[in-house]
N, C-alpha and C. Protein backbone atom coordinates (compact mmCIF):
# COMPACT_ATOMS: atom_id res chain seq x y z
N MET A 1 90.28 32.55 53.13
CA MET A 1 90.22 32.04 51.67
C MET A 1 88.75 32.90 51.37
N VAL A 2 89.08 33.46 49.98
CA VAL A 2 87.58 34.14 49.68
C VAL A 2 87.07 33.37 48.91
N ILE A 3 85.67 33.26 48.72
CA ILE A 3 84.89 32.30 48.03
C ILE A 3 83.91 32.86 47.34
N MET A 4 84.01 33.07 46.19
CA MET A 4 83.11 33.88 45.14
C MET A 4 81.87 33.12 44.91
N VAL A 5 80.91 33.87 45.02
CA VAL A 5 79.58 33.42 44.67
C VAL A 5 78.85 33.65 43.30
N ARG A 6 78.87 32.84 42.40
CA ARG A 6 78.55 33.29 41.18
C ARG A 6 77.28 33.58 41.02
N LYS A 7 76.75 34.78 40.58
CA LYS A 7 75.43 35.09 40.19
C LYS A 7 74.79 34.07 39.23
N THR A 8 73.50 33.80 39.24
CA THR A 8 72.63 33.27 38.08
C THR A 8 72.47 34.36 37.15
N LYS A 9 71.94 34.29 35.78
CA LYS A 9 71.72 34.78 34.93
C LYS A 9 70.68 35.76 35.09
N LYS A 10 69.56 35.11 35.89
CA LYS A 10 68.21 36.24 36.44
C LYS A 10 68.60 37.10 37.25
N GLU A 11 69.83 36.60 38.34
CA GLU A 11 69.98 37.53 39.18
C GLU A 11 70.67 39.02 38.81
N VAL A 12 71.43 38.54 37.84
CA VAL A 12 72.14 39.55 36.97
C VAL A 12 71.31 40.43 36.17
N VAL A 13 70.17 39.87 35.77
CA VAL A 13 69.50 40.42 34.62
C VAL A 13 68.61 41.37 35.56
N THR A 14 68.01 40.74 36.86
CA THR A 14 67.26 41.44 37.95
C THR A 14 68.08 42.74 38.34
N ALA A 15 69.34 42.51 38.54
CA ALA A 15 69.92 43.86 38.95
C ALA A 15 70.06 44.52 38.36
N PHE A 16 70.67 44.38 36.65
CA PHE A 16 70.48 45.51 35.75
C PHE A 16 69.35 46.05 35.80
N ARG A 17 68.21 45.31 35.67
CA ARG A 17 67.13 45.91 35.15
C ARG A 17 66.30 46.97 36.55
N THR A 18 66.68 46.79 37.87
CA THR A 18 66.47 47.46 38.79
C THR A 18 67.27 48.68 38.81
N ARG A 19 68.64 48.83 38.42
CA ARG A 19 69.27 50.05 38.47
C ARG A 19 68.82 50.83 37.41
N GLU A 20 68.25 50.37 36.17
CA GLU A 20 67.97 50.95 35.06
C GLU A 20 66.55 51.51 35.55
N ILE A 21 65.43 50.88 36.19
CA ILE A 21 64.46 51.64 36.84
C ILE A 21 64.67 52.55 37.69
N LEU A 22 65.68 52.45 38.56
CA LEU A 22 65.83 53.48 39.61
C LEU A 22 66.55 55.00 38.62
N ASN A 23 67.52 54.49 37.81
CA ASN A 23 67.94 55.66 37.06
C ASN A 23 67.08 56.24 36.33
N ALA A 24 65.89 55.94 35.98
CA ALA A 24 64.54 56.45 35.06
C ALA A 24 64.04 57.33 36.22
N ALA A 25 63.53 56.32 37.31
CA ALA A 25 62.84 57.19 38.31
C ALA A 25 63.38 58.40 38.70
N ARG A 26 64.92 58.36 39.17
CA ARG A 26 65.48 59.57 39.52
C ARG A 26 65.20 60.92 38.25
N ARG A 27 65.61 60.42 37.06
CA ARG A 27 65.23 61.30 35.87
C ARG A 27 63.90 62.01 35.88
N VAL A 28 63.06 61.09 36.18
CA VAL A 28 61.48 61.60 36.07
C VAL A 28 61.45 62.39 37.19
N MET A 29 61.70 62.07 38.42
CA MET A 29 61.53 62.65 39.70
C MET A 29 62.18 63.86 40.05
N GLU A 30 63.40 64.08 38.90
CA GLU A 30 63.73 65.43 39.23
C GLU A 30 63.22 66.48 38.66
N HIS A 31 62.36 66.11 37.60
CA HIS A 31 61.66 67.16 37.04
C HIS A 31 60.14 67.29 37.32
N ARG A 32 59.65 66.04 37.91
CA ARG A 32 58.37 66.21 38.43
C ARG A 32 58.00 65.94 39.84
N GLY A 33 59.00 65.72 40.52
CA GLY A 33 59.28 65.52 42.01
C GLY A 33 58.53 64.27 42.30
N LEU A 34 57.98 64.44 43.40
CA LEU A 34 57.24 62.89 44.11
C LEU A 34 55.92 62.97 43.42
N GLU A 35 55.47 63.76 42.82
CA GLU A 35 54.25 63.58 41.73
C GLU A 35 54.38 62.80 40.64
N ALA A 36 55.62 62.26 40.23
CA ALA A 36 55.81 61.50 39.26
C ALA A 36 55.13 60.23 39.42
N THR A 37 54.30 59.61 38.32
CA THR A 37 53.48 58.56 38.69
C THR A 37 54.40 57.13 38.19
N MET A 38 53.73 55.93 38.33
CA MET A 38 54.23 54.74 37.82
C MET A 38 54.43 54.73 36.53
N GLU A 39 53.24 55.09 35.76
CA GLU A 39 53.24 55.23 34.47
C GLU A 39 54.47 55.94 33.91
N GLU A 40 54.59 56.91 34.22
CA GLU A 40 55.91 57.89 33.72
C GLU A 40 57.24 57.44 33.89
N ILE A 41 57.31 56.81 35.13
CA ILE A 41 58.35 55.86 35.17
C ILE A 41 58.65 54.70 34.53
N ALA A 42 57.76 54.02 34.30
CA ALA A 42 57.90 53.03 33.59
C ALA A 42 58.24 53.26 31.94
N ALA A 43 57.43 54.30 31.49
CA ALA A 43 57.97 55.09 30.08
C ALA A 43 59.23 55.26 29.98
N ALA A 44 59.94 56.09 31.16
CA ALA A 44 61.41 56.53 31.22
C ALA A 44 62.15 55.26 31.28
N ALA A 45 62.00 53.85 31.75
CA ALA A 45 62.52 52.94 31.83
C ALA A 45 62.31 52.03 30.72
N GLY A 46 61.49 52.35 29.92
CA GLY A 46 61.28 51.73 28.73
C GLY A 46 60.57 50.50 28.97
N LEU A 47 59.66 50.45 30.00
CA LEU A 47 58.77 49.07 30.22
C LEU A 47 57.47 49.18 30.17
N ALA A 48 56.79 48.20 30.29
CA ALA A 48 55.48 48.43 30.66
C ALA A 48 55.11 48.58 31.79
N LYS A 49 53.95 49.13 32.28
CA LYS A 49 53.56 49.51 33.61
C LYS A 49 53.79 48.14 34.50
N GLY A 50 53.06 47.13 33.69
CA GLY A 50 52.84 45.89 34.50
C GLY A 50 54.16 45.23 34.78
N THR A 51 55.27 45.44 34.04
CA THR A 51 56.67 44.89 34.20
C THR A 51 57.29 45.65 35.57
N LEU A 52 57.27 47.03 35.64
CA LEU A 52 57.58 47.75 36.50
C LEU A 52 56.96 47.22 37.92
N TYR A 53 55.80 46.93 38.03
CA TYR A 53 55.10 46.46 39.33
C TYR A 53 55.68 44.97 39.61
N LEU A 54 56.39 44.46 38.54
CA LEU A 54 57.18 42.92 39.00
C LEU A 54 58.16 43.50 39.99
N TYR A 55 58.84 44.62 39.64
CA TYR A 55 60.09 45.14 40.32
C TYR A 55 59.96 45.72 41.58
N PHE A 56 59.01 46.79 41.73
CA PHE A 56 58.28 47.60 42.87
C PHE A 56 56.80 47.26 42.67
N PRO A 57 56.39 46.92 44.22
CA PRO A 57 55.10 46.80 44.14
C PRO A 57 54.20 48.05 44.09
N GLY A 58 54.70 49.29 44.51
CA GLY A 58 54.37 50.83 44.31
C GLY A 58 55.49 51.76 44.15
N LYS A 59 54.73 52.78 44.42
CA LYS A 59 55.67 53.99 44.19
C LYS A 59 56.52 54.11 45.51
N GLU A 60 56.13 54.04 46.89
CA GLU A 60 56.33 54.39 48.09
C GLU A 60 57.80 53.17 48.28
N GLU A 61 57.69 51.85 47.57
CA GLU A 61 58.97 50.87 47.80
C GLU A 61 59.75 51.40 46.73
N LEU A 62 59.45 52.01 45.58
CA LEU A 62 60.51 52.54 44.62
C LEU A 62 61.27 53.64 45.11
N VAL A 63 60.68 54.52 46.16
CA VAL A 63 61.17 55.63 46.57
C VAL A 63 62.14 55.02 47.64
N GLN A 64 61.65 53.98 48.44
CA GLN A 64 62.51 53.53 49.71
C GLN A 64 63.98 53.09 48.82
N ALA A 65 63.91 52.18 47.72
CA ALA A 65 64.72 51.85 47.09
C ALA A 65 65.70 52.95 46.67
N LEU A 66 65.26 54.21 46.10
CA LEU A 66 66.15 55.40 45.77
C LEU A 66 66.83 55.57 46.97
N MET A 67 66.05 55.95 48.02
CA MET A 67 66.45 56.65 49.12
C MET A 67 67.84 55.48 49.79
N SER A 68 67.76 54.27 49.85
CA SER A 68 68.71 53.26 50.19
C SER A 68 69.84 53.22 49.44
N GLN A 69 69.70 53.47 48.03
CA GLN A 69 70.73 53.70 47.01
C GLN A 69 71.66 54.98 47.54
N VAL A 70 70.61 56.09 47.74
CA VAL A 70 71.74 57.27 48.11
C VAL A 70 72.36 57.23 49.27
N GLY A 71 71.65 56.38 50.44
CA GLY A 71 72.32 56.11 51.80
C GLY A 71 73.66 55.58 51.44
N GLU A 72 73.39 54.55 50.73
CA GLU A 72 74.52 53.49 50.50
C GLU A 72 75.97 54.26 49.79
N ASN A 73 75.41 55.06 48.80
CA ASN A 73 76.40 55.99 47.99
C ASN A 73 77.32 57.05 49.00
N MET A 74 76.32 57.70 49.92
CA MET A 74 76.95 58.26 50.76
C MET A 74 77.86 57.79 51.94
N ILE A 75 77.19 56.66 52.39
CA ILE A 75 78.27 55.83 53.46
C ILE A 75 79.53 55.51 52.43
N SER A 76 79.47 55.19 51.15
CA SER A 76 80.70 54.81 50.64
C SER A 76 81.66 56.34 50.44
N ASP A 77 80.96 57.29 49.83
CA ASP A 77 81.84 58.40 49.90
C ASP A 77 82.22 58.94 51.22
N THR A 78 81.50 58.61 52.26
CA THR A 78 82.03 59.27 53.63
C THR A 78 83.15 58.53 54.03
N GLU A 79 82.99 57.29 53.83
CA GLU A 79 84.32 56.23 54.20
C GLU A 79 85.68 56.43 53.17
N ALA A 80 85.33 57.07 51.86
CA ALA A 80 86.49 57.37 51.16
C ALA A 80 87.01 58.54 51.67
N ILE A 81 86.31 59.34 52.07
CA ILE A 81 86.86 60.76 52.62
C ILE A 81 87.78 60.46 53.92
N LEU A 82 86.80 59.91 54.84
CA LEU A 82 87.59 59.66 56.03
C LEU A 82 89.25 58.82 55.69
N ASN A 83 89.14 57.98 54.69
CA ASN A 83 90.41 57.05 54.82
C ASN A 83 91.57 57.66 53.65
N THR A 84 91.34 59.21 53.61
CA THR A 84 92.22 59.83 52.83
C THR A 84 93.12 60.43 53.60
N HIS A 85 94.26 61.01 53.16
CA HIS A 85 95.60 61.56 54.23
C HIS A 85 95.43 62.92 54.41
N GLU A 86 94.05 63.37 54.13
CA GLU A 86 93.88 65.10 54.37
C GLU A 86 93.96 65.01 56.08
N THR A 87 94.08 66.36 56.50
CA THR A 87 94.01 66.43 57.87
C THR A 87 92.45 66.21 58.36
N PRO A 88 91.91 65.91 59.61
CA PRO A 88 90.86 65.92 60.21
C PRO A 88 90.24 67.11 59.83
N PRO A 89 90.37 68.32 59.88
CA PRO A 89 89.43 69.41 59.48
C PRO A 89 89.07 69.39 57.99
N GLU A 90 89.87 69.27 57.50
CA GLU A 90 89.88 69.17 55.93
C GLU A 90 89.08 67.87 55.51
N LYS A 91 88.96 66.98 55.92
CA LYS A 91 88.10 65.70 55.92
C LYS A 91 86.74 66.29 56.18
N LEU A 92 86.46 67.10 57.69
CA LEU A 92 85.17 67.45 58.13
C LEU A 92 84.54 68.29 56.69
N ARG A 93 85.25 69.15 56.34
CA ARG A 93 85.00 70.14 55.45
C ARG A 93 84.46 69.11 54.04
N GLN A 94 85.20 68.33 53.90
CA GLN A 94 84.74 67.84 52.65
C GLN A 94 83.57 66.71 52.83
N VAL A 95 83.43 66.14 53.90
CA VAL A 95 82.11 65.29 54.38
C VAL A 95 80.71 66.37 54.27
N VAL A 96 81.03 67.86 54.64
CA VAL A 96 79.91 68.71 54.98
C VAL A 96 79.52 69.04 53.33
N ALA A 97 80.72 69.34 52.57
CA ALA A 97 80.45 69.38 51.11
C ALA A 97 79.74 68.31 50.44
N MET A 98 80.14 67.20 50.91
CA MET A 98 79.53 66.09 50.05
C MET A 98 78.15 65.68 50.55
N LEU A 99 77.72 66.12 51.75
CA LEU A 99 76.23 66.05 52.15
C LEU A 99 75.30 67.25 51.67
N VAL A 100 76.08 68.30 51.42
CA VAL A 100 75.05 69.23 50.47
C VAL A 100 75.27 69.19 49.39
N GLY A 101 76.29 68.62 48.63
CA GLY A 101 76.05 68.09 47.16
C GLY A 101 74.85 67.12 47.05
N TYR A 102 74.86 66.10 47.64
CA TYR A 102 73.95 65.11 47.91
C TYR A 102 72.32 65.87 47.95
N LEU A 103 72.51 66.67 49.18
CA LEU A 103 70.87 67.65 48.99
C LEU A 103 70.67 68.27 47.74
N GLU A 104 71.52 68.69 47.10
CA GLU A 104 71.39 69.54 45.63
C GLU A 104 70.88 68.76 44.62
N ARG A 105 71.53 67.37 44.51
CA ARG A 105 71.23 66.41 43.48
C ARG A 105 70.01 65.44 44.00
N GLU A 106 69.91 65.22 45.21
CA GLU A 106 68.73 64.12 45.66
C GLU A 106 67.44 65.32 46.24
N GLY A 107 67.50 66.37 46.11
CA GLY A 107 66.49 67.28 46.97
C GLY A 107 65.05 66.77 46.91
N PHE A 108 64.86 66.05 45.61
CA PHE A 108 63.44 65.66 45.48
C PHE A 108 63.19 64.57 46.51
N LEU A 109 64.15 63.78 47.21
CA LEU A 109 63.59 62.83 48.25
C LEU A 109 63.52 63.40 49.41
N PHE A 110 64.01 64.64 49.72
CA PHE A 110 64.23 65.18 51.31
C PHE A 110 62.89 65.20 51.67
N PRO A 111 61.47 65.65 51.04
CA PRO A 111 60.69 65.65 51.96
C PRO A 111 60.03 64.05 52.53
N VAL A 112 60.34 63.20 51.65
CA VAL A 112 60.01 61.83 52.27
C VAL A 112 60.90 61.70 53.21
N TYR A 113 62.08 61.98 53.26
CA TYR A 113 63.09 61.46 54.20
C TYR A 113 62.60 62.10 55.69
N ALA A 114 62.28 63.59 55.34
CA ALA A 114 61.92 64.39 56.79
C ALA A 114 60.73 63.77 57.30
N ARG A 115 59.56 63.20 56.49
CA ARG A 115 58.36 62.71 57.03
C ARG A 115 58.66 61.26 57.63
N GLU A 116 59.32 60.78 56.99
CA GLU A 116 59.48 59.18 57.37
C GLU A 116 60.43 58.83 58.41
N ILE A 117 61.74 59.45 58.24
CA ILE A 117 62.81 58.88 59.16
C ILE A 117 63.18 60.01 60.05
N VAL A 118 62.88 61.60 59.88
CA VAL A 118 63.26 62.65 61.20
C VAL A 118 61.81 62.61 61.89
N VAL A 119 60.83 62.90 61.21
CA VAL A 119 59.39 62.97 62.01
C VAL A 119 58.99 61.59 62.46
N GLY A 120 58.78 60.55 61.60
CA GLY A 120 58.47 59.27 62.16
C GLY A 120 56.85 59.51 61.95
N GLU A 121 56.15 59.63 60.92
CA GLU A 121 54.91 60.09 60.98
C GLU A 121 53.94 58.88 61.13
N ARG A 122 54.76 57.77 60.96
CA ARG A 122 54.01 56.26 61.00
C ARG A 122 54.92 55.38 61.98
N PRO A 123 54.49 55.70 63.41
CA PRO A 123 54.86 54.85 64.43
C PRO A 123 54.06 53.35 64.25
N ALA A 124 53.14 53.18 63.59
CA ALA A 124 52.67 51.81 63.48
C ALA A 124 53.51 50.88 62.63
N ARG A 125 54.21 51.18 61.78
CA ARG A 125 55.20 50.41 60.96
C ARG A 125 56.62 51.05 61.50
N PRO A 126 57.20 50.49 62.56
CA PRO A 126 58.45 51.02 62.75
C PRO A 126 59.68 50.36 62.00
N ASP A 127 59.23 49.02 61.25
CA ASP A 127 60.34 48.32 60.21
C ASP A 127 60.25 48.83 58.83
N HIS A 128 59.34 49.56 58.52
CA HIS A 128 58.93 49.98 57.22
C HIS A 128 60.00 50.62 56.55
N TRP A 129 60.93 51.48 57.31
CA TRP A 129 62.08 52.11 56.64
C TRP A 129 63.26 51.62 57.40
N ARG A 130 63.52 50.52 57.97
CA ARG A 130 64.56 49.87 58.67
C ARG A 130 65.86 50.09 57.77
N VAL A 131 66.19 49.73 56.79
CA VAL A 131 67.30 49.56 56.18
C VAL A 131 67.90 51.00 56.09
N ILE A 132 66.88 51.92 55.70
CA ILE A 132 67.50 53.60 55.66
C ILE A 132 67.84 53.96 57.08
N ARG A 133 66.86 53.53 57.98
CA ARG A 133 67.57 53.73 59.35
C ARG A 133 68.77 53.19 59.78
N GLU A 134 68.69 52.02 59.28
CA GLU A 134 70.49 51.55 59.63
C GLU A 134 71.46 51.98 58.94
N LEU A 135 71.32 52.54 57.72
CA LEU A 135 72.10 53.19 56.94
C LEU A 135 72.22 54.70 57.61
N GLU A 136 71.54 55.32 58.08
CA GLU A 136 71.67 56.43 58.77
C GLU A 136 72.48 56.43 59.99
N GLU A 137 72.04 55.04 60.89
CA GLU A 137 73.05 54.85 62.24
C GLU A 137 74.40 54.52 61.80
N LYS A 138 74.78 53.81 60.67
CA LYS A 138 76.19 53.89 60.09
C LYS A 138 76.70 54.81 59.67
N PHE A 139 76.23 56.01 59.22
CA PHE A 139 76.85 57.37 59.14
C PHE A 139 77.19 57.86 60.60
N ILE A 140 76.40 57.87 61.22
CA ILE A 140 76.41 58.43 62.56
C ILE A 140 77.77 57.87 63.29
N ILE A 141 77.82 56.45 63.08
CA ILE A 141 78.82 55.78 64.03
C ILE A 141 80.34 56.18 63.11
N LEU A 142 80.17 56.25 61.94
CA LEU A 142 81.48 56.76 61.14
C LEU A 142 81.89 57.95 61.78
N LEU A 143 81.15 59.06 61.76
CA LEU A 143 81.48 60.22 62.39
C LEU A 143 81.82 60.41 63.92
N THR A 144 81.09 59.40 64.41
CA THR A 144 81.32 59.47 65.95
C THR A 144 83.00 59.08 66.16
N HIS A 145 83.15 57.89 65.59
CA HIS A 145 84.59 57.55 65.57
C HIS A 145 85.66 58.66 65.09
N PHE A 146 85.18 59.27 64.15
CA PHE A 146 86.09 60.24 63.34
C PHE A 146 86.28 61.61 64.22
N PHE A 147 84.94 61.92 64.99
CA PHE A 147 85.39 63.05 66.09
C PHE A 147 86.02 62.69 67.16
N ALA A 148 85.86 61.52 67.49
CA ALA A 148 86.56 60.91 68.66
C ALA A 148 88.09 60.74 68.72
N GLU A 149 88.45 60.49 67.37
CA GLU A 149 89.81 60.54 67.11
C GLU A 149 90.57 61.83 66.69
N GLY A 150 89.47 62.64 66.25
CA GLY A 150 90.14 64.02 65.87
C GLY A 150 90.13 65.09 67.07
N ALA A 151 89.45 64.64 68.21
CA ALA A 151 89.53 65.32 69.36
C ALA A 151 90.40 65.06 70.26
N ALA A 152 91.03 63.48 70.34
CA ALA A 152 91.90 63.26 71.07
C ALA A 152 93.33 63.67 70.27
N GLN A 153 93.43 64.06 69.36
CA GLN A 153 94.70 64.62 68.68
C GLN A 153 94.37 65.92 68.81
N GLY A 154 93.39 66.83 69.40
CA GLY A 154 93.35 67.94 69.73
C GLY A 154 92.84 68.74 68.23
N TYR A 155 92.29 68.22 67.05
CA TYR A 155 91.90 69.09 66.19
C TYR A 155 90.65 69.65 66.54
N PHE A 156 89.51 68.80 67.17
CA PHE A 156 88.23 69.06 67.43
C PHE A 156 87.83 69.59 69.04
N THR A 157 86.89 70.33 68.86
CA THR A 157 86.20 70.52 70.34
C THR A 157 85.88 69.25 71.09
N SER A 158 86.33 69.54 72.69
CA SER A 158 86.11 68.07 73.29
C SER A 158 84.52 68.13 73.71
N GLY A 159 83.98 66.77 73.78
CA GLY A 159 82.72 66.69 74.17
C GLY A 159 82.00 65.25 73.79
N ASP A 160 81.05 64.89 73.92
CA ASP A 160 80.52 63.42 73.36
C ASP A 160 80.64 63.75 71.90
N SER A 161 81.18 62.69 71.28
CA SER A 161 81.38 62.42 69.81
C SER A 161 80.46 62.07 69.08
N ARG A 162 79.47 61.22 69.78
CA ARG A 162 78.40 61.11 69.14
C ARG A 162 77.23 62.25 68.94
N LEU A 163 77.04 63.34 69.99
CA LEU A 163 76.68 64.20 70.15
C LEU A 163 77.11 65.16 68.67
N LEU A 164 78.38 65.22 68.55
CA LEU A 164 78.67 66.13 67.71
C LEU A 164 78.39 65.75 66.07
N ALA A 165 78.45 64.18 66.00
CA ALA A 165 77.98 63.68 64.93
C ALA A 165 76.55 64.09 64.44
N PHE A 166 75.79 63.80 65.76
CA PHE A 166 74.18 64.29 65.30
C PHE A 166 74.33 65.75 64.96
N MET A 167 75.02 66.50 65.48
CA MET A 167 74.83 68.19 65.20
C MET A 167 75.28 68.28 63.86
N ILE A 168 76.48 67.67 63.12
CA ILE A 168 76.57 67.82 61.71
C ILE A 168 75.21 67.46 60.90
N GLN A 169 74.91 66.25 61.32
CA GLN A 169 73.57 65.70 60.52
C GLN A 169 72.54 66.69 60.58
N GLY A 170 72.15 67.29 61.73
CA GLY A 170 71.44 68.46 62.01
C GLY A 170 71.53 69.63 61.30
N LEU A 171 72.54 70.05 60.96
CA LEU A 171 73.19 71.41 60.06
C LEU A 171 72.62 71.07 58.74
N ALA A 172 72.92 69.54 58.55
CA ALA A 172 72.70 68.85 56.88
C ALA A 172 71.17 69.23 56.82
N ARG A 173 70.76 68.85 57.63
CA ARG A 173 69.23 68.84 57.66
C ARG A 173 68.41 70.28 57.72
N ALA A 174 69.21 71.11 58.26
CA ALA A 174 68.65 72.11 58.17
C ALA A 174 68.84 73.00 56.71
N VAL A 175 69.85 72.57 55.90
CA VAL A 175 69.93 72.88 54.75
C VAL A 175 68.93 72.48 53.81
N GLY A 176 68.79 71.02 54.23
CA GLY A 176 67.65 70.36 53.45
C GLY A 176 66.21 71.02 53.37
N TYR A 177 66.05 71.50 54.61
CA TYR A 177 64.85 72.02 54.91
C TYR A 177 64.63 73.45 54.09
N TYR A 178 65.93 74.26 54.18
CA TYR A 178 66.31 75.31 53.42
C TYR A 178 65.64 75.17 51.92
N GLN A 179 66.01 74.29 51.46
CA GLN A 179 66.02 73.87 50.03
C GLN A 179 64.43 73.40 49.88
N MET A 180 63.58 72.74 50.87
CA MET A 180 62.44 72.30 50.51
C MET A 180 61.50 73.38 50.51
N LYS A 181 61.93 74.38 51.70
CA LYS A 181 61.00 75.73 51.59
C LYS A 181 61.27 76.55 50.27
N GLY A 182 62.21 76.36 49.00
CA GLY A 182 62.17 77.04 48.06
C GLY A 182 63.34 77.69 47.72
N ALA A 183 64.66 77.45 48.47
CA ALA A 183 65.68 78.08 48.36
C ALA A 183 66.22 77.89 46.86
N SER A 184 66.63 79.00 46.13
CA SER A 184 67.29 78.80 44.92
C SER A 184 68.36 77.99 44.59
N ARG A 185 68.70 77.62 43.29
CA ARG A 185 69.90 77.05 43.22
C ARG A 185 71.18 77.95 43.90
N ASP A 186 71.02 79.00 43.38
CA ASP A 186 72.15 80.09 43.62
C ASP A 186 71.93 80.32 45.48
N GLU A 187 70.88 80.28 46.11
CA GLU A 187 70.94 80.25 47.37
C GLU A 187 71.53 79.14 48.32
N MET A 188 71.32 77.96 47.44
CA MET A 188 71.96 76.49 47.96
C MET A 188 73.52 76.99 47.76
N GLN A 189 74.00 77.40 46.98
CA GLN A 189 75.51 77.64 46.53
C GLN A 189 76.02 78.33 47.79
N GLU A 190 75.26 79.55 48.27
CA GLU A 190 75.61 80.31 49.43
C GLU A 190 75.62 79.42 50.67
N ALA A 191 75.01 78.59 50.50
CA ALA A 191 74.63 77.71 51.97
C ALA A 191 75.79 77.03 52.51
N LEU A 192 76.69 76.37 51.46
CA LEU A 192 77.62 75.43 52.13
C LEU A 192 79.03 76.42 52.52
N PRO A 193 79.50 77.48 51.82
CA PRO A 193 80.35 78.50 52.63
C PRO A 193 79.74 78.67 53.92
N LEU A 194 78.60 79.16 54.23
CA LEU A 194 77.94 79.32 55.39
C LEU A 194 78.07 78.26 56.41
N LEU A 195 77.78 77.11 55.94
CA LEU A 195 77.88 75.89 56.71
C LEU A 195 79.10 75.56 57.05
N VAL A 196 80.15 75.44 56.24
CA VAL A 196 81.41 75.35 56.58
C VAL A 196 81.99 76.51 57.65
N ASN A 197 81.85 77.60 57.44
CA ASN A 197 82.17 78.58 58.31
C ASN A 197 81.72 78.35 59.77
N VAL A 198 80.29 77.78 59.81
CA VAL A 198 79.64 77.56 61.32
C VAL A 198 80.52 76.53 61.95
N ILE A 199 80.70 75.45 61.02
CA ILE A 199 81.43 74.08 61.52
C ILE A 199 82.80 74.58 61.86
N SER A 200 83.50 75.29 61.07
CA SER A 200 84.72 75.60 61.33
C SER A 200 85.15 76.25 62.70
N GLN A 201 84.10 77.43 62.91
CA GLN A 201 84.19 78.02 64.32
C GLN A 201 83.70 77.39 65.39
N GLY A 202 82.64 76.49 65.19
CA GLY A 202 82.48 75.66 66.25
C GLY A 202 83.03 74.46 66.72
N PHE A 203 83.74 73.64 65.69
CA PHE A 203 84.01 72.31 65.97
C PHE A 203 85.35 72.24 66.08
N ILE A 204 86.05 73.08 65.03
CA ILE A 204 87.72 72.87 64.85
C ILE A 204 88.49 73.72 65.71
N LEU A 205 89.52 73.08 66.44
CA LEU A 205 90.20 73.83 67.52
C LEU A 205 91.48 74.30 66.67
N LYS A 206 91.90 73.42 65.74
CA LYS A 206 93.46 73.65 65.09
C LYS A 206 93.27 72.94 63.78
N GLU A 207 94.22 73.42 62.86
CA GLU A 207 94.23 73.24 61.62
C GLU A 207 95.00 71.86 61.13
N THR A 208 96.08 72.16 62.07
CA THR A 208 97.37 71.12 61.64
C THR A 208 98.06 70.73 63.19
N SER A 209 98.87 69.55 62.75
CA SER A 209 99.55 69.17 64.13
C SER A 209 100.65 69.72 63.99
N LEU A 210 101.70 69.73 64.84
CA LEU A 210 102.99 70.20 64.79
C LEU A 210 104.00 69.96 63.96
N GLY A 211 103.42 68.29 63.80
CA GLY A 211 104.19 67.45 62.48
C GLY A 211 103.87 68.00 61.49
N GLU A 212 102.50 68.35 61.20
CA GLU A 212 102.28 68.76 59.75
C GLU A 212 102.53 70.18 59.45
N VAL A 213 103.28 70.90 60.10
CA VAL A 213 103.31 72.30 59.89
C VAL A 213 104.77 72.32 59.08
N ALA A 214 104.27 73.11 57.74
CA ALA A 214 105.55 72.98 56.84
C ALA A 214 107.03 73.98 57.15
N SER A 215 107.78 73.31 56.94
CA SER A 215 109.27 73.95 57.24
C SER A 215 109.36 75.40 56.51
N PRO A 216 110.05 76.47 57.07
CA PRO A 216 110.08 77.65 56.57
C PRO A 216 111.26 77.42 55.21
């Protein structure tokens, strides 16, 4: 039996206001980058600066919330792709295209991700970015199971499926660094087919199973 939990009016208003703040922060940071101030974000959200601080104690917490939102959306999109009826190789290409798309749209967040998650410059605060690390691990687990199943069916190269998942993550990060170092939009557009080609050559053994080959 499913038990429905009714939210209070305050909870509904808080969730709505939080989404509005995050949307405003994204709009401002797309133009100003991480140099955007809390004053600018409050203005974009139509709030007084003091009201903004009731929802987020500082910009770091706001950026964390943005990254968590992106991570949750990526998990949802990945699950949607993996649950389609496409062949495993096509699903893999779609996942890669999805990752590059997020890098293009959310590129202003990548420097923070690279510093806090990849490099981990603040080991004294290991739990500070725990939620985002958990989302990243969930993504790796999804890809690990996907590669294990695909390899068992003969679609993908054999090997440690978790390692293959990390390799996909690493290739996507490389595109993020490329963008962070000043790649133009046109250059980013060129990155996707190159990345897909590398993955197709290195990961995929076959495109279809015998049962999926169309009859003449």
